[in-house]
Amino acid sequence: MALLEMDWIGLVITGFATLFLIGEVLVNMRGLFALLGIGFITVYFGAYVETSSIIIMVIIYFIGLLLIVIDGKLLNDGTLATIGLASMLTAVALPAPNLAAGLYAVLGVLVGTGASFLFLKVFKRRDMWNKITLKDQLTKEAGYNSLNSTYEALVNQEGVTLTDLRPVGTIRIAEKDYSAVSNGQWLPKNTTIRVVQVDGTKILVEPKNS
């Protein structure tokens, strides 16, 4: 087809293929986007790849897509996603008939990948992404009793040092043991102390008689 002989057409085909395939991963479209993406990428490989090599290119492309999914679902550090994107770019660049067509195809994958995230603003996000993202805020208003709140309640309470504080050691307040720090003082074991400040889980104490 004359249209497929134009260098820029690779940008359109690989762009839509990647757009719909990654879009299917991100949002719940019941396979519609997957079918559209597979259709576009099949047209691309069918037009530019020799029959003997088409399976290899398809495998490389979809392995790249799979790595992106695994990174987003399990690792979230970007390593596999980077490798996956490189695999997809390689799969579309190698079959291109010339350098310009290859660059257009690569640009199509990049544009399609970025544009796919726009689907999140329109369609329902897949549940599998919700499972790895803690959306609820652990606030007092939501009924959560955070560890910080427990520590904040220790301010002005009295206790005793179980070890020497040099200046870090262990204290006991109301039959519970905590790690605490003195304000640069060396407090011997069995010293009666008072909690003067709490910063997160860091407890600052001073001798009761100070």
C-alpha atoms as a PDB file:
ATOM      1  CA  MET A   1       0.000   0.000   0.000  1.00  0.00           C
ATOM      2  CA  ALA A   2       1.224   3.453  -0.892  1.00  0.00           C
ATOM      3  CA  LEU A   3       0.282   4.812   2.514  1.00  0.00           C
ATOM      4  CA  LEU A   4       2.505   2.289   4.301  1.00  0.00           C
ATOM      5  CA  GLU A   5       5.437   3.355   2.161  1.00  0.00           C
ATOM      6  CA  MET A   6       5.426   6.810   3.746  1.00  0.00           C
ATOM      7  CA  ASP A   7       7.998   7.171   6.499  1.00  0.00           C
ATOM      8  CA  TRP A   8       5.723   9.062   8.915  1.00  0.00           C
ATOM      9  CA  ILE A   9       3.005   6.418   8.922  1.00  0.00           C
ATOM     10  CA  GLY A  10       5.064   4.356  11.365  1.00  0.00           C
ATOM     11  CA  LEU A  11       4.572   7.095  13.967  1.00  0.00           C
ATOM     12  CA  VAL A  12       0.796   6.797  13.639  1.00  0.00           C
ATOM     13  CA  ILE A  13       0.658   2.999  13.701  1.00  0.00           C
ATOM     14  CA  THR A  14       3.116   2.364  16.537  1.00  0.00           C
ATOM     15  CA  GLY A  15       1.700   5.339  18.422  1.00  0.00           C
ATOM     16  CA  PHE A  16      -1.840   3.983  18.413  1.00  0.00           C
ATOM     17  CA  ALA A  17      -0.622   0.426  19.075  1.00  0.00           C
ATOM     18  CA  THR A  18       1.299   1.476  22.178  1.00  0.00           C
ATOM     19  CA  LEU A  19      -1.423   3.893  23.255  1.00  0.00           C
ATOM     20  CA  PHE A  20      -4.083   1.179  23.343  1.00  0.00           C
ATOM     21  CA  LEU A  21      -1.908  -1.643  24.681  1.00  0.00           C
ATOM     22  CA  ILE A  22      -0.585   0.315  27.650  1.00  0.00           C
ATOM     23  CA  GLY A  23      -4.009   1.890  28.034  1.00  0.00           C
ATOM     24  CA  GLU A  24      -5.485  -1.592  28.459  1.00  0.00           C
ATOM     25  CA  VAL A  25      -3.003  -2.219  31.254  1.00  0.00           C
ATOM     26  CA  LEU A  26      -3.869   1.021  33.022  1.00  0.00           C
ATOM     27  CA  VAL A  27      -7.655   1.117  32.694  1.00  0.00           C
ATOM     28  CA  ASN A  28     -10.407  -1.472  32.606  1.00  0.00           C
ATOM     29  CA  MET A  29     -11.654  -1.556  29.007  1.00  0.00           C
ATOM     30  CA  ARG A  30     -12.558  -5.277  28.977  1.00  0.00           C
ATOM     31  CA  GLY A  31     -10.036  -6.093  26.267  1.00  0.00           C
ATOM     32  CA  LEU A  32     -11.207  -3.517  23.716  1.00  0.00           C
ATOM     33  CA  PHE A  33      -7.996  -1.497  23.880  1.00  0.00           C
ATOM     34  CA  ALA A  34      -5.944  -4.691  23.762  1.00  0.00           C
ATOM     35  CA  LEU A  35      -7.626  -5.758  20.524  1.00  0.00           C
ATOM     36  CA  LEU A  36      -7.095  -2.329  18.969  1.00  0.00           C
ATOM     37  CA  GLY A  37      -3.447  -2.267  20.062  1.00  0.00           C
ATOM     38  CA  ILE A  38      -2.769  -5.759  18.746  1.00  0.00           C
ATOM     39  CA  GLY A  39      -4.457  -4.807  15.494  1.00  0.00           C
ATOM     40  CA  PHE A  40      -2.273  -1.740  14.966  1.00  0.00           C
ATOM     41  CA  ILE A  41       0.996  -3.460  15.872  1.00  0.00           C
ATOM     42  CA  THR A  42       0.106  -6.417  13.637  1.00  0.00           C
ATOM     43  CA  VAL A  43      -0.359  -4.027  10.715  1.00  0.00           C
ATOM     44  CA  TYR A  44       3.032  -2.464  11.436  1.00  0.00           C
ATOM     45  CA  PHE A  45       4.967  -5.708  11.686  1.00  0.00           C
ATOM     46  CA  GLY A  46       3.048  -7.213   8.783  1.00  0.00           C
ATOM     47  CA  ALA A  47       4.058  -4.304   6.569  1.00  0.00           C
ATOM     48  CA  TYR A  48       7.745  -4.092   7.481  1.00  0.00           C
ATOM     49  CA  VAL A  49       8.893  -7.409   8.909  1.00  0.00           C
ATOM     50  CA  GLU A  50       9.738 -10.480   6.876  1.00  0.00           C
ATOM     51  CA  THR A  51       7.511 -13.461   7.569  1.00  0.00           C
ATOM     52  CA  SER A  52      10.390 -15.448   9.079  1.00  0.00           C
ATOM     53  CA  SER A  53      11.186 -12.690  11.596  1.00  0.00           C
ATOM     54  CA  ILE A  54       7.756 -11.343  12.465  1.00  0.00           C
ATOM     55  CA  ILE A  55       7.264 -13.687  15.441  1.00  0.00           C
ATOM     56  CA  ILE A  56      10.609 -12.634  16.938  1.00  0.00           C
ATOM     57  CA  MET A  57       9.795  -8.935  16.630  1.00  0.00           C
ATOM     58  CA  VAL A  58       6.336  -9.441  18.119  1.00  0.00           C
ATOM     59  CA  ILE A  59       7.841 -11.364  21.049  1.00  0.00           C
ATOM     60  CA  ILE A  60      10.425  -8.635  21.712  1.00  0.00           C
ATOM     61  CA  TYR A  61       7.727  -5.967  21.596  1.00  0.00           C
ATOM     62  CA  PHE A  62       5.366  -7.755  23.975  1.00  0.00           C
ATOM     63  CA  ILE A  63       8.168  -8.790  26.337  1.00  0.00           C
ATOM     64  CA  GLY A  64       8.939  -5.095  26.636  1.00  0.00           C
ATOM     65  CA  LEU A  65       5.293  -4.381  27.415  1.00  0.00           C
ATOM     66  CA  LEU A  66       5.265  -7.186  29.991  1.00  0.00           C
ATOM     67  CA  LEU A  67       8.344  -5.774  31.734  1.00  0.00           C
ATOM     68  CA  ILE A  68       6.628  -2.396  32.033  1.00  0.00           C
ATOM     69  CA  VAL A  69       3.603  -4.084  33.613  1.00  0.00           C
ATOM     70  CA  ILE A  70       5.752  -6.060  36.060  1.00  0.00           C
ATOM     71  CA  ASP A  71       7.647  -2.936  37.080  1.00  0.00           C
ATOM     72  CA  GLY A  72       4.453  -1.003  37.674  1.00  0.00           C
ATOM     73  CA  LYS A  73       2.730  -3.839  39.537  1.00  0.00           C
ATOM     74  CA  LEU A  74       5.558  -5.210  41.677  1.00  0.00           C
ATOM     75  CA  LEU A  75       8.809  -3.240  41.717  1.00  0.00           C
ATOM     76  CA  ASN A  76       8.045   0.409  41.034  1.00  0.00           C
ATOM     77  CA  ASP A  77      11.717   1.329  40.709  1.00  0.00           C
ATOM     78  CA  GLY A  78      11.741   1.960  36.958  1.00  0.00           C
ATOM     79  CA  THR A  79      14.468  -0.565  36.087  1.00  0.00           C
ATOM     80  CA  LEU A  80      12.316  -3.136  34.301  1.00  0.00           C
ATOM     81  CA  ALA A  81      10.167  -0.397  32.799  1.00  0.00           C
ATOM     82  CA  THR A  82      13.246   1.159  31.216  1.00  0.00           C
ATOM     83  CA  ILE A  83      14.379  -2.199  29.823  1.00  0.00           C
ATOM     84  CA  GLY A  84      10.859  -2.876  28.609  1.00  0.00           C
ATOM     85  CA  LEU A  85      10.581   0.441  26.820  1.00  0.00           C
ATOM     86  CA  ALA A  86      13.980  -0.142  25.215  1.00  0.00           C
ATOM     87  CA  SER A  87      12.764  -3.560  23.982  1.00  0.00           C
ATOM     88  CA  MET A  88       9.664  -2.022  22.462  1.00  0.00           C
ATOM     89  CA  LEU A  89      11.694   0.690  20.754  1.00  0.00           C
ATOM     90  CA  THR A  90      14.119  -1.891  19.379  1.00  0.00           C
ATOM     91  CA  ALA A  91      11.296  -4.063  18.067  1.00  0.00           C
ATOM     92  CA  VAL A  92       9.777  -1.234  16.024  1.00  0.00           C
ATOM     93  CA  ALA A  93      13.032   0.399  14.933  1.00  0.00           C
ATOM     94  CA  LEU A  94      14.822  -2.631  13.480  1.00  0.00           C
ATOM     95  CA  PRO A  95      12.192  -3.576  10.868  1.00  0.00           C
ATOM     96  CA  ALA A  96      11.840  -0.012   9.554  1.00  0.00           C
ATOM     97  CA  PRO A  97      12.856   0.322   5.891  1.00  0.00           C
ATOM     98  CA  ASN A  98      15.096   3.328   6.541  1.00  0.00           C
ATOM     99  CA  LEU A  99      16.414   5.552   9.329  1.00  0.00           C
ATOM    100  CA  ALA A 100      13.672   8.151   9.046  1.00  0.00           C
ATOM    101  CA  ALA A 101      10.939   5.530   9.246  1.00  0.00           C
ATOM    102  CA  GLY A 102      12.683   3.957  12.242  1.00  0.00           C
ATOM    103  CA  LEU A 103      12.825   7.281  14.055  1.00  0.00           C
ATOM    104  CA  TYR A 104       9.155   7.887  13.365  1.00  0.00           C
ATOM    105  CA  ALA A 105       8.293   4.438  14.728  1.00  0.00           C
ATOM    106  CA  VAL A 106      10.355   5.035  17.878  1.00  0.00           C
ATOM    107  CA  LEU A 107       8.694   8.431  18.359  1.00  0.00           C
ATOM    108  CA  GLY A 108       5.307   6.756  17.977  1.00  0.00           C
ATOM    109  CA  VAL A 109       6.051   4.359  20.863  1.00  0.00           C
ATOM    110  CA  LEU A 110       7.208   7.220  23.080  1.00  0.00           C
ATOM    111  CA  VAL A 111       4.206   9.400  22.268  1.00  0.00           C
ATOM    112  CA  GLY A 112       1.801   6.489  22.683  1.00  0.00           C
ATOM    113  CA  THR A 113       3.285   5.580  26.063  1.00  0.00           C
ATOM    114  CA  GLY A 114       2.942   9.106  27.382  1.00  0.00           C
ATOM    115  CA  ALA A 115      -0.525   9.648  25.950  1.00  0.00           C
ATOM    116  CA  SER A 116      -1.832   6.380  27.441  1.00  0.00           C
ATOM    117  CA  PHE A 117      -1.780   7.907  30.925  1.00  0.00           C
ATOM    118  CA  LEU A 118      -4.462  10.346  29.800  1.00  0.00           C
ATOM    119  CA  PHE A 119      -6.883   7.411  29.892  1.00  0.00           C
ATOM    120  CA  LEU A 120      -6.615   7.481  33.694  1.00  0.00           C
ATOM    121  CA  LYS A 121      -8.456  10.816  33.655  1.00  0.00           C
ATOM    122  CA  VAL A 122     -11.356   9.382  31.655  1.00  0.00           C
ATOM    123  CA  PHE A 123     -11.764   5.681  32.374  1.00  0.00           C
ATOM    124  CA  LYS A 124     -11.829   3.515  35.490  1.00  0.00           C
ATOM    125  CA  ARG A 125      -8.402   2.511  36.758  1.00  0.00           C
ATOM    126  CA  ARG A 126      -7.714  -1.219  36.895  1.00  0.00           C
ATOM    127  CA  ASP A 127      -8.139  -2.753  40.357  1.00  0.00           C
ATOM    128  CA  MET A 128      -4.676  -4.326  40.272  1.00  0.00           C
ATOM    129  CA  TRP A 129      -3.104  -0.856  40.522  1.00  0.00           C
ATOM    130  CA  ASN A 130      -5.314   0.006  43.484  1.00  0.00           C
ATOM    131  CA  LYS A 131      -4.069  -3.085  45.324  1.00  0.00           C
ATOM    132  CA  ILE A 132      -0.492  -1.832  45.344  1.00  0.00           C
ATOM    133  CA  THR A 133      -1.362   1.742  46.263  1.00  0.00           C
ATOM    134  CA  LEU A 134      -2.493   2.676  49.757  1.00  0.00           C
ATOM    135  CA  LYS A 135      -4.961   5.454  49.059  1.00  0.00           C
ATOM    136  CA  ASP A 136      -6.429   5.802  52.529  1.00  0.00           C
ATOM    137  CA  GLN A 137      -4.698   8.253  54.811  1.00  0.00           C
ATOM    138  CA  LEU A 138      -4.046   6.888  58.266  1.00  0.00           C
ATOM    139  CA  THR A 139      -5.529   9.874  60.060  1.00  0.00           C
ATOM    140  CA  LYS A 140      -7.212  10.223  63.422  1.00  0.00           C
ATOM    141  CA  GLU A 141     -10.347  11.405  61.639  1.00  0.00           C
ATOM    142  CA  ALA A 142     -10.469   8.133  59.703  1.00  0.00           C
ATOM    143  CA  GLY A 143     -10.358   6.180  62.934  1.00  0.00           C
ATOM    144  CA  TYR A 144      -6.712   5.172  62.918  1.00  0.00           C
ATOM    145  CA  ASN A 145      -4.684   5.335  66.137  1.00  0.00           C
ATOM    146  CA  SER A 146      -1.213   5.996  64.796  1.00  0.00           C
ATOM    147  CA  LEU A 147       2.014   5.116  66.530  1.00  0.00           C
ATOM    148  CA  ASN A 148       2.915   8.795  66.655  1.00  0.00           C
ATOM    149  CA  SER A 149      -0.213   9.561  68.682  1.00  0.00           C
ATOM    150  CA  THR A 150       0.803   6.934  71.215  1.00  0.00           C
ATOM    151  CA  TYR A 151       4.217   8.509  71.586  1.00  0.00           C
ATOM    152  CA  GLU A 152       2.806  12.036  71.797  1.00  0.00           C
ATOM    153  CA  ALA A 153       0.812  10.961  74.852  1.00  0.00           C
ATOM    154  CA  LEU A 154       4.070  10.317  76.710  1.00  0.00           C
ATOM    155  CA  VAL A 155       4.933  14.010  76.997  1.00  0.00           C
ATOM    156  CA  ASN A 156       5.203  15.053  80.678  1.00  0.00           C
ATOM    157  CA  GLN A 157       4.883  11.465  81.873  1.00  0.00           C
ATOM    158  CA  GLU A 158       7.403  10.137  84.359  1.00  0.00           C
ATOM    159  CA  GLY A 159       9.382   6.915  84.201  1.00  0.00           C
ATOM    160  CA  VAL A 160      12.699   5.335  85.081  1.00  0.00           C
ATOM    161  CA  THR A 161      15.818   4.509  83.088  1.00  0.00           C
ATOM    162  CA  LEU A 162      16.409   0.787  82.616  1.00  0.00           C
ATOM    163  CA  THR A 163      19.907   1.377  81.255  1.00  0.00           C
ATOM    164  CA  ASP A 164      22.409   4.176  81.383  1.00  0.00           C
ATOM    165  CA  LEU A 165      21.507   6.936  78.912  1.00  0.00           C
ATOM    166  CA  ARG A 166      24.811   7.868  77.199  1.00  0.00           C
ATOM    167  CA  PRO A 167      22.775   9.772  75.968  1.00  0.00           C
ATOM    168  CA  VAL A 168      20.697   6.985  74.326  1.00  0.00           C
ATOM    169  CA  GLY A 169      19.207   4.150  76.307  1.00  0.00           C
ATOM    170  CA  THR A 170      16.030   2.403  77.421  1.00  0.00           C
ATOM    171  CA  ILE A 171      13.361   3.783  79.725  1.00  0.00           C
ATOM    172  CA  ARG A 172      10.201   2.356  81.250  1.00  0.00           C
ATOM    173  CA  ILE A 173       6.933   4.276  81.501  1.00  0.00           C
ATOM    174  CA  ALA A 174       3.724   2.665  82.765  1.00  0.00           C
ATOM    175  CA  GLU A 175       5.190  -0.836  82.441  1.00  0.00           C
ATOM    176  CA  LYS A 176       6.228  -0.270  78.814  1.00  0.00           C
ATOM    177  CA  ASP A 177       9.785   0.073  77.551  1.00  0.00           C
ATOM    178  CA  TYR A 178      10.912   2.718  75.097  1.00  0.00           C
ATOM    179  CA  SER A 179      14.125   3.874  73.514  1.00  0.00           C
ATOM    180  CA  ALA A 180      14.898   7.416  74.626  1.00  0.00           C
ATOM    181  CA  VAL A 181      17.599  10.056  74.515  1.00  0.00           C
ATOM    182  CA  SER A 182      18.673  12.579  77.114  1.00  0.00           C
ATOM    183  CA  ASN A 183      19.542  16.149  76.308  1.00  0.00           C
ATOM    184  CA  GLY A 184      23.272  15.450  76.144  1.00  0.00           C
ATOM    185  CA  GLN A 185      23.340  14.238  79.750  1.00  0.00           C
ATOM    186  CA  TRP A 186      24.630  10.919  81.005  1.00  0.00           C
ATOM    187  CA  LEU A 187      21.801   9.504  83.104  1.00  0.00           C
ATOM    188  CA  PRO A 188      22.594   6.382  85.149  1.00  0.00           C
ATOM    189  CA  LYS A 189      20.324   3.365  85.423  1.00  0.00           C
ATOM    190  CA  ASN A 190      17.283   3.708  87.748  1.00  0.00           C
ATOM    191  CA  THR A 191      17.139   7.492  87.345  1.00  0.00           C
ATOM    192  CA  THR A 192      13.629   8.935  87.539  1.00  0.00           C
ATOM    193  CA  ILE A 193      12.973  10.860  84.334  1.00  0.00           C
ATOM    194  CA  ARG A 194      10.286  12.974  82.701  1.00  0.00           C
ATOM    195  CA  VAL A 195       9.454  13.091  79.004  1.00  0.00           C
ATOM    196  CA  VAL A 196       9.927  16.651  77.781  1.00  0.00           C
ATOM    197  CA  GLN A 197       9.521  16.242  74.041  1.00  0.00           C
ATOM    198  CA  VAL A 198       8.467  13.713  71.411  1.00  0.00           C
ATOM    199  CA  ASP A 199       9.417  14.022  67.751  1.00  0.00           C
ATOM    200  CA  GLY A 200       7.829  11.182  65.822  1.00  0.00           C
ATOM    201  CA  THR A 201       9.101   8.186  67.777  1.00  0.00           C
ATOM    202  CA  LYS A 202      12.089   9.992  69.243  1.00  0.00           C
ATOM    203  CA  ILE A 203      11.632  10.541  72.986  1.00  0.00           C
ATOM    204  CA  LEU A 204      13.620  13.257  74.751  1.00  0.00           C
ATOM    205  CA  VAL A 205      13.852  12.951  78.528  1.00  0.00           C
ATOM    206  CA  GLU A 206      15.400  14.788  81.469  1.00  0.00           C
ATOM    207  CA  PRO A 207      15.899  13.965  85.138  1.00  0.00           C
ATOM    208  CA  LYS A 208      12.736  14.599  87.140  1.00  0.00           C
ATOM    209  CA  ASN A 209      14.486  16.953  89.581  1.00  0.00           C
ATOM    210  CA  SER A 210      16.118  19.122  86.897  1.00  0.00           C
END
